[in-house]
C-alpha atoms as a PDB file:
ATOM      1  CA  UNK A   1     -22.189  30.017  -7.362  1.00  0.00           C
ATOM      2  CA  UNK A   2     -22.187  33.382  -5.068  1.00  0.00           C
ATOM      3  CA  UNK A   3     -18.991  34.328  -4.112  1.00  0.00           C
ATOM      4  CA  UNK A   4     -15.801  36.746  -4.841  1.00  0.00           C
ATOM      5  CA  UNK A   5     -14.282  35.383  -8.576  1.00  0.00           C
ATOM      6  CA  UNK A   6     -11.859  32.910  -7.464  1.00  0.00           C
ATOM      7  CA  UNK A   7     -12.929  32.355  -4.407  1.00  0.00           C
ATOM      8  CA  UNK A   8     -12.332  29.010  -3.600  1.00  0.00           C
ATOM      9  CA  UNK A   9     -16.065  27.987  -1.473  1.00  0.00           C
ATOM     10  CA  UNK A  10     -14.920  24.557  -0.987  1.00  0.00           C
ATOM     11  CA  UNK A  11     -13.174  21.249  -1.054  1.00  0.00           C
ATOM     12  CA  UNK A  12     -13.048  17.562  -2.724  1.00  0.00           C
ATOM     13  CA  UNK A  13     -11.298  15.229  -0.579  1.00  0.00           C
ATOM     14  CA  UNK A  14      -9.738  11.932  -2.847  1.00  0.00           C
ATOM     15  CA  UNK A  15      -7.188   9.460  -1.650  1.00  0.00           C
ATOM     16  CA  UNK A  16      -4.814   6.970  -2.918  1.00  0.00           C
ATOM     17  CA  UNK A  17      -3.350   4.845  -2.305  1.00  0.00           C
ATOM     18  CA  UNK A  18       0.198   4.397  -3.802  1.00  0.00           C
ATOM     19  CA  UNK A  19       2.980   0.709  -3.518  1.00  0.00           C
ATOM     20  CA  UNK A  20       6.396   1.794  -1.898  1.00  0.00           C
ATOM     21  CA  UNK A  21       8.460  -1.355  -2.467  1.00  0.00           C
ATOM     22  CA  UNK A  22      11.742  -1.291  -0.415  1.00  0.00           C
ATOM     23  CA  UNK A  23      14.646  -3.479  -1.721  1.00  0.00           C
ATOM     24  CA  UNK A  24      15.591  -6.021   0.787  1.00  0.00           C
ATOM     25  CA  UNK A  25      13.381  -5.345   4.021  1.00  0.00           C
ATOM     26  CA  UNK A  26      14.954  -1.607   4.278  1.00  0.00           C
ATOM     27  CA  UNK A  27      12.010   0.518   5.357  1.00  0.00           C
ATOM     28  CA  UNK A  28      13.940   4.105   6.005  1.00  0.00           C
ATOM     29  CA  UNK A  29      13.082   6.974   3.947  1.00  0.00           C
ATOM     30  CA  UNK A  30      16.362   6.947   1.925  1.00  0.00           C
ATOM     31  CA  UNK A  31      14.422   4.120  -0.041  1.00  0.00           C
ATOM     32  CA  UNK A  32      11.169   5.286  -0.652  1.00  0.00           C
ATOM     33  CA  UNK A  33      10.166   6.945  -3.950  1.00  0.00           C
ATOM     34  CA  UNK A  34       8.761   9.734  -2.172  1.00  0.00           C
ATOM     35  CA  UNK A  35      11.248  10.843  -0.463  1.00  0.00           C
ATOM     36  CA  UNK A  36      13.590  14.030  -1.647  1.00  0.00           C
ATOM     37  CA  UNK A  37      17.185  15.439  -0.972  1.00  0.00           C
ATOM     38  CA  UNK A  38      16.584  19.278  -1.103  1.00  0.00           C
ATOM     39  CA  UNK A  39      20.442  20.340  -2.081  1.00  0.00           C
ATOM     40  CA  UNK A  40      19.713  23.707  -1.837  1.00  0.00           C
ATOM     41  CA  UNK A  41      18.721  23.161   2.075  1.00  0.00           C
ATOM     42  CA  UNK A  42      20.786  20.377   2.750  1.00  0.00           C
ATOM     43  CA  UNK A  43      17.910  18.233   3.846  1.00  0.00           C
ATOM     44  CA  UNK A  44      15.271  15.413   2.811  1.00  0.00           C
ATOM     45  CA  UNK A  45      11.987  15.415   2.688  1.00  0.00           C
ATOM     46  CA  UNK A  46       9.133  13.268   2.407  1.00  0.00           C
ATOM     47  CA  UNK A  47       6.992  14.371  -1.077  1.00  0.00           C
ATOM     48  CA  UNK A  48       3.506  12.419   0.254  1.00  0.00           C
ATOM     49  CA  UNK A  49       3.407  14.007   4.119  1.00  0.00           C
ATOM     50  CA  UNK A  50       5.766  17.786   3.592  1.00  0.00           C
ATOM     51  CA  UNK A  51       8.100  16.230   6.709  1.00  0.00           C
ATOM     52  CA  UNK A  52      11.780  16.904   7.240  1.00  0.00           C
ATOM     53  CA  UNK A  53      13.051  13.767   7.796  1.00  0.00           C
ATOM     54  CA  UNK A  54      16.575  13.772  10.907  1.00  0.00           C
ATOM     55  CA  UNK A  55      16.937  10.557   9.901  1.00  0.00           C
ATOM     56  CA  UNK A  56      16.065   9.501   6.325  1.00  0.00           C
ATOM     57  CA  UNK A  57      18.765   6.542   6.439  1.00  0.00           C
ATOM     58  CA  UNK A  58      17.809   4.976   9.970  1.00  0.00           C
ATOM     59  CA  UNK A  59      14.344   5.551  10.141  1.00  0.00           C
ATOM     60  CA  UNK A  60      10.652   6.146   8.977  1.00  0.00           C
ATOM     61  CA  UNK A  61       9.025  10.260  10.046  1.00  0.00           C
ATOM     62  CA  UNK A  62       6.854  10.375  12.300  1.00  0.00           C
ATOM     63  CA  UNK A  63       4.250  11.365   9.563  1.00  0.00           C
ATOM     64  CA  UNK A  64       5.141   8.320   7.403  1.00  0.00           C
ATOM     65  CA  UNK A  65       1.947   6.691   5.848  1.00  0.00           C
ATOM     66  CA  UNK A  66       3.289   3.714   4.939  1.00  0.00           C
ATOM     67  CA  UNK A  67       1.617   0.577   6.215  1.00  0.00           C
ATOM     68  CA  UNK A  68       2.638  -2.670   5.932  1.00  0.00           C
ATOM     69  CA  UNK A  69       0.510  -5.444   5.430  1.00  0.00           C
ATOM     70  CA  UNK A  70       1.276  -8.610   8.803  1.00  0.00           C
ATOM     71  CA  UNK A  71       3.349  -5.849  10.572  1.00  0.00           C
ATOM     72  CA  UNK A  72       6.779  -3.504   9.574  1.00  0.00           C
ATOM     73  CA  UNK A  73       9.707  -5.357   8.449  1.00  0.00           C
ATOM     74  CA  UNK A  74      13.314  -3.891   9.268  1.00  0.00           C
ATOM     75  CA  UNK A  75      16.684  -3.909   8.467  1.00  0.00           C
END
């Protein structure tokens, strides 16, 4: 393996499937275990996508990867 010491020559990509449970059809970021409030910035952030969430109490982020079999439930 050639290259400079510590140089990354390529990445191996994997895909993870996670289960996210929302209480009583309330499918907004607020209830997702991967949504965190960053106190120092006073912003909510998705830990799955890195997206900063403008309305975590009213909806889901634009980059939300969560899919709902049979269609999305709404509050």
